[in-house]
N, C-alpha and C. Protein backbone atom coordinates (compact mmCIF):
# COMPACT_ATOMS: atom_id res chain seq x y z
N MET A 1 0.69 -25.08 -8.00
CA MET A 1 1.56 -24.15 -8.69
C MET A 1 0.74 -23.03 -9.34
N PHE A 2 -0.39 -23.42 -9.92
CA PHE A 2 -1.26 -22.43 -10.56
C PHE A 2 -1.78 -21.42 -9.55
N ALA A 3 -2.13 -21.90 -8.36
CA ALA A 3 -2.66 -21.00 -7.32
C ALA A 3 -1.59 -19.99 -6.90
N VAL A 4 -0.37 -20.43 -6.76
CA VAL A 4 0.72 -19.52 -6.38
C VAL A 4 0.93 -18.48 -7.47
N LEU A 5 0.87 -18.91 -8.72
CA LEU A 5 1.01 -17.97 -9.83
C LEU A 5 -0.12 -16.95 -9.83
N MET A 6 -1.33 -17.39 -9.61
CA MET A 6 -2.49 -16.48 -9.59
C MET A 6 -2.39 -15.50 -8.42
N ILE A 7 -1.94 -15.98 -7.27
CA ILE A 7 -1.76 -15.09 -6.11
C ILE A 7 -0.71 -14.04 -6.43
N GLY A 8 0.37 -14.44 -7.05
CA GLY A 8 1.43 -13.50 -7.42
C GLY A 8 0.95 -12.46 -8.42
N ILE A 9 0.20 -12.90 -9.41
CA ILE A 9 -0.33 -11.95 -10.41
C ILE A 9 -1.31 -11.00 -9.76
N THR A 10 -2.20 -11.52 -8.92
CA THR A 10 -3.18 -10.67 -8.23
C THR A 10 -2.47 -9.67 -7.34
N PHE A 11 -1.48 -10.12 -6.61
CA PHE A 11 -0.72 -9.23 -5.74
C PHE A 11 -0.06 -8.11 -6.54
N ALA A 12 0.55 -8.46 -7.68
CA ALA A 12 1.23 -7.47 -8.51
C ALA A 12 0.23 -6.44 -9.04
N LEU A 13 -0.94 -6.89 -9.46
CA LEU A 13 -1.95 -5.96 -9.96
C LEU A 13 -2.45 -5.02 -8.86
N VAL A 14 -2.71 -5.57 -7.70
CA VAL A 14 -3.19 -4.74 -6.59
C VAL A 14 -2.13 -3.72 -6.21
N MET A 15 -0.88 -4.14 -6.14
CA MET A 15 0.20 -3.21 -5.80
C MET A 15 0.33 -2.13 -6.87
N GLY A 16 0.20 -2.50 -8.13
CA GLY A 16 0.29 -1.52 -9.20
C GLY A 16 -0.79 -0.46 -9.09
N PHE A 17 -2.02 -0.89 -8.85
CA PHE A 17 -3.11 0.07 -8.72
C PHE A 17 -3.00 0.88 -7.44
N THR A 18 -2.42 0.31 -6.42
CA THR A 18 -2.27 1.02 -5.15
C THR A 18 -1.17 2.06 -5.21
N VAL A 19 -0.07 1.74 -5.84
CA VAL A 19 1.10 2.61 -5.86
C VAL A 19 0.99 3.72 -6.91
N GLN A 20 0.37 3.45 -8.03
CA GLN A 20 0.31 4.39 -9.15
C GLN A 20 -0.21 5.77 -8.76
N PRO A 21 -1.32 5.90 -8.04
CA PRO A 21 -1.79 7.24 -7.69
C PRO A 21 -0.83 8.03 -6.80
N LEU A 22 -0.06 7.35 -6.01
CA LEU A 22 0.89 8.05 -5.14
C LEU A 22 1.94 8.79 -5.96
N PHE A 23 2.41 8.18 -7.02
CA PHE A 23 3.41 8.82 -7.84
C PHE A 23 2.81 9.94 -8.68
N SER A 24 1.61 9.79 -9.17
CA SER A 24 1.00 10.83 -9.99
C SER A 24 0.67 12.06 -9.14
N SER A 25 0.26 11.87 -7.89
CA SER A 25 -0.06 13.03 -7.05
C SER A 25 1.21 13.79 -6.67
N ARG A 26 2.32 13.13 -6.55
CA ARG A 26 3.59 13.81 -6.26
C ARG A 26 4.01 14.68 -7.43
N GLU A 27 3.80 14.20 -8.64
CA GLU A 27 4.20 14.95 -9.81
C GLU A 27 3.32 16.19 -10.00
N GLU A 28 2.03 16.06 -9.71
CA GLU A 28 1.11 17.16 -9.92
C GLU A 28 1.32 18.28 -8.91
N GLY A 29 1.63 17.92 -7.67
CA GLY A 29 1.83 18.92 -6.63
C GLY A 29 0.52 19.60 -6.29
N GLY A 30 0.59 20.82 -5.75
CA GLY A 30 -0.62 21.57 -5.45
C GLY A 30 -1.12 21.28 -4.05
N ASP A 31 -2.29 21.87 -3.73
CA ASP A 31 -2.88 21.71 -2.41
C ASP A 31 -3.49 20.33 -2.26
N VAL A 32 -3.59 19.89 -1.02
CA VAL A 32 -4.16 18.60 -0.72
C VAL A 32 -5.59 18.80 -0.24
N SER A 33 -6.51 18.15 -0.89
CA SER A 33 -7.91 18.28 -0.50
C SER A 33 -8.27 17.18 0.49
N PRO A 34 -9.40 17.34 1.17
CA PRO A 34 -9.83 16.29 2.10
C PRO A 34 -10.06 14.95 1.40
N THR A 35 -10.46 14.98 0.13
CA THR A 35 -10.66 13.72 -0.58
C THR A 35 -9.34 13.01 -0.81
N ASP A 36 -8.24 13.77 -0.99
CA ASP A 36 -6.92 13.15 -1.12
C ASP A 36 -6.55 12.45 0.18
N ARG A 37 -6.85 13.09 1.28
CA ARG A 37 -6.57 12.49 2.59
C ARG A 37 -7.39 11.21 2.76
N SER A 38 -8.66 11.26 2.36
CA SER A 38 -9.52 10.08 2.46
C SER A 38 -8.99 8.95 1.58
N ALA A 39 -8.52 9.31 0.38
CA ALA A 39 -7.98 8.30 -0.52
C ALA A 39 -6.73 7.66 0.08
N LEU A 40 -5.88 8.47 0.71
CA LEU A 40 -4.68 7.92 1.35
C LEU A 40 -5.05 7.02 2.52
N GLU A 41 -6.06 7.43 3.29
CA GLU A 41 -6.51 6.59 4.41
C GLU A 41 -7.01 5.24 3.90
N LEU A 42 -7.77 5.26 2.80
CA LEU A 42 -8.28 4.02 2.22
C LEU A 42 -7.14 3.14 1.72
N ARG A 43 -6.14 3.75 1.07
CA ARG A 43 -4.99 2.98 0.60
C ARG A 43 -4.22 2.38 1.76
N LYS A 44 -4.07 3.17 2.83
CA LYS A 44 -3.36 2.66 4.00
C LYS A 44 -4.09 1.44 4.57
N GLN A 45 -5.41 1.54 4.70
CA GLN A 45 -6.18 0.41 5.21
C GLN A 45 -6.06 -0.80 4.29
N SER A 46 -6.09 -0.56 2.99
CA SER A 46 -5.96 -1.64 2.03
C SER A 46 -4.61 -2.34 2.16
N ILE A 47 -3.55 -1.57 2.31
CA ILE A 47 -2.21 -2.15 2.45
C ILE A 47 -2.09 -2.93 3.75
N LEU A 48 -2.65 -2.40 4.83
CA LEU A 48 -2.59 -3.12 6.10
C LEU A 48 -3.36 -4.44 6.00
N GLU A 49 -4.48 -4.45 5.28
CA GLU A 49 -5.22 -5.69 5.06
C GLU A 49 -4.41 -6.66 4.21
N GLN A 50 -3.69 -6.13 3.21
CA GLN A 50 -2.85 -6.98 2.38
C GLN A 50 -1.75 -7.63 3.20
N ILE A 51 -1.20 -6.90 4.16
CA ILE A 51 -0.17 -7.46 5.03
C ILE A 51 -0.76 -8.61 5.85
N LYS A 52 -1.96 -8.41 6.39
CA LYS A 52 -2.61 -9.47 7.17
C LYS A 52 -2.87 -10.70 6.30
N GLU A 53 -3.36 -10.48 5.08
CA GLU A 53 -3.61 -11.60 4.17
C GLU A 53 -2.32 -12.33 3.82
N LEU A 54 -1.26 -11.57 3.58
CA LEU A 54 0.03 -12.17 3.26
C LEU A 54 0.51 -13.04 4.42
N GLU A 55 0.37 -12.53 5.65
CA GLU A 55 0.78 -13.30 6.82
C GLU A 55 -0.05 -14.57 6.96
N LEU A 56 -1.33 -14.50 6.69
CA LEU A 56 -2.20 -15.67 6.74
C LEU A 56 -1.78 -16.69 5.68
N GLU A 57 -1.53 -16.21 4.47
CA GLU A 57 -1.10 -17.13 3.40
C GLU A 57 0.25 -17.77 3.73
N HIS A 58 1.12 -17.01 4.38
CA HIS A 58 2.42 -17.57 4.79
C HIS A 58 2.22 -18.66 5.83
N GLU A 59 1.33 -18.42 6.79
CA GLU A 59 1.05 -19.43 7.82
C GLU A 59 0.44 -20.68 7.20
N MET A 60 -0.36 -20.51 6.14
CA MET A 60 -0.99 -21.65 5.47
C MET A 60 0.00 -22.38 4.57
N GLY A 61 1.15 -21.75 4.30
CA GLY A 61 2.17 -22.39 3.48
C GLY A 61 2.01 -22.15 1.99
N THR A 62 1.16 -21.20 1.58
CA THR A 62 0.96 -20.94 0.16
C THR A 62 1.95 -19.93 -0.40
N VAL A 63 2.71 -19.29 0.47
CA VAL A 63 3.71 -18.30 0.03
C VAL A 63 5.06 -18.74 0.58
N SER A 64 6.06 -18.73 -0.29
CA SER A 64 7.40 -19.13 0.15
C SER A 64 7.95 -18.11 1.14
N PRO A 65 8.85 -18.53 2.02
CA PRO A 65 9.44 -17.59 2.98
C PRO A 65 10.13 -16.39 2.30
N ALA A 66 10.80 -16.62 1.18
CA ALA A 66 11.48 -15.52 0.49
C ALA A 66 10.47 -14.53 -0.08
N ASP A 67 9.41 -15.04 -0.71
CA ASP A 67 8.37 -14.15 -1.25
C ASP A 67 7.66 -13.42 -0.12
N PHE A 68 7.42 -14.13 0.98
CA PHE A 68 6.76 -13.50 2.12
C PHE A 68 7.57 -12.32 2.63
N GLN A 69 8.87 -12.53 2.85
CA GLN A 69 9.71 -11.46 3.37
C GLN A 69 9.77 -10.27 2.41
N ARG A 70 9.97 -10.56 1.12
CA ARG A 70 10.07 -9.49 0.12
C ARG A 70 8.77 -8.69 0.05
N ASN A 71 7.64 -9.39 -0.06
CA ASN A 71 6.35 -8.71 -0.18
C ASN A 71 5.99 -7.96 1.10
N ARG A 72 6.30 -8.55 2.23
CA ARG A 72 5.99 -7.90 3.51
C ARG A 72 6.78 -6.60 3.67
N ILE A 73 8.05 -6.63 3.30
CA ILE A 73 8.89 -5.43 3.37
C ILE A 73 8.34 -4.35 2.44
N GLU A 74 7.98 -4.73 1.21
CA GLU A 74 7.45 -3.76 0.25
C GLU A 74 6.15 -3.14 0.76
N LEU A 75 5.26 -3.97 1.31
CA LEU A 75 3.99 -3.46 1.81
C LEU A 75 4.20 -2.54 3.01
N LYS A 76 5.10 -2.92 3.90
CA LYS A 76 5.36 -2.07 5.07
C LYS A 76 5.98 -0.74 4.66
N GLN A 77 6.87 -0.76 3.67
CA GLN A 77 7.45 0.49 3.20
C GLN A 77 6.37 1.39 2.59
N GLU A 78 5.48 0.79 1.81
CA GLU A 78 4.40 1.56 1.20
C GLU A 78 3.47 2.14 2.27
N ALA A 79 3.14 1.35 3.27
CA ALA A 79 2.30 1.85 4.36
C ALA A 79 3.00 2.98 5.10
N SER A 80 4.29 2.85 5.30
CA SER A 80 5.05 3.90 5.97
C SER A 80 5.06 5.19 5.15
N ASN A 81 5.22 5.07 3.84
CA ASN A 81 5.19 6.24 2.97
C ASN A 81 3.83 6.94 3.04
N ILE A 82 2.77 6.18 3.04
CA ILE A 82 1.43 6.76 3.13
C ILE A 82 1.24 7.45 4.48
N MET A 83 1.69 6.82 5.54
CA MET A 83 1.56 7.43 6.87
C MET A 83 2.37 8.73 6.95
N ASP A 84 3.54 8.76 6.32
CA ASP A 84 4.33 10.00 6.28
C ASP A 84 3.57 11.09 5.54
N GLN A 85 2.93 10.73 4.43
CA GLN A 85 2.15 11.70 3.67
C GLN A 85 0.98 12.22 4.50
N LEU A 86 0.33 11.32 5.21
CA LEU A 86 -0.79 11.73 6.06
C LEU A 86 -0.32 12.64 7.18
N ASP A 87 0.84 12.33 7.76
CA ASP A 87 1.40 13.20 8.81
C ASP A 87 1.72 14.59 8.26
N SER A 88 2.29 14.64 7.06
CA SER A 88 2.62 15.95 6.50
C SER A 88 1.36 16.74 6.16
N MET A 89 0.28 16.07 5.84
CA MET A 89 -0.99 16.76 5.59
C MET A 89 -1.55 17.34 6.88
N GLY A 90 -1.35 16.62 7.97
CA GLY A 90 -1.87 17.08 9.26
C GLY A 90 -1.16 18.31 9.76
N THR A 91 0.10 18.50 9.39
CA THR A 91 0.86 19.66 9.85
C THR A 91 0.87 20.79 8.83
N ASP A 92 0.15 20.59 7.72
CA ASP A 92 0.11 21.60 6.66
C ASP A 92 -0.73 22.80 7.11
N PRO A 93 -0.19 24.03 7.09
CA PRO A 93 -0.95 25.19 7.55
C PRO A 93 -2.15 25.49 6.66
N ALA A 94 -2.16 25.04 5.42
CA ALA A 94 -3.30 25.29 4.54
C ALA A 94 -4.53 24.52 4.99
N GLY A 95 -4.33 23.46 5.77
CA GLY A 95 -5.45 22.66 6.25
C GLY A 95 -6.21 23.29 7.38
N ASP A 96 -5.75 24.42 7.94
CA ASP A 96 -6.42 25.08 9.08
C ASP A 96 -7.68 25.76 8.70
């Protein structure tokens, strides 16, 4: 039970740190620098790794099916949002 609680707390902290910069950059607006693109790429890779870890934990039986589905959907939505941001950066005329 303690391990499940610790996994949940760790997951929540990682998600909080991962999602927070996305909202602050939207509020600030402005031009997108190459470092912003690199940061988004790193976040995308981190989220994809989290999905793999979540699937492994589900296969091991340490995550309930309901938690697995909920967390997997949230992670996939976050990865999709980041990919959309990266796509919009690629089509931005200021990047030429």
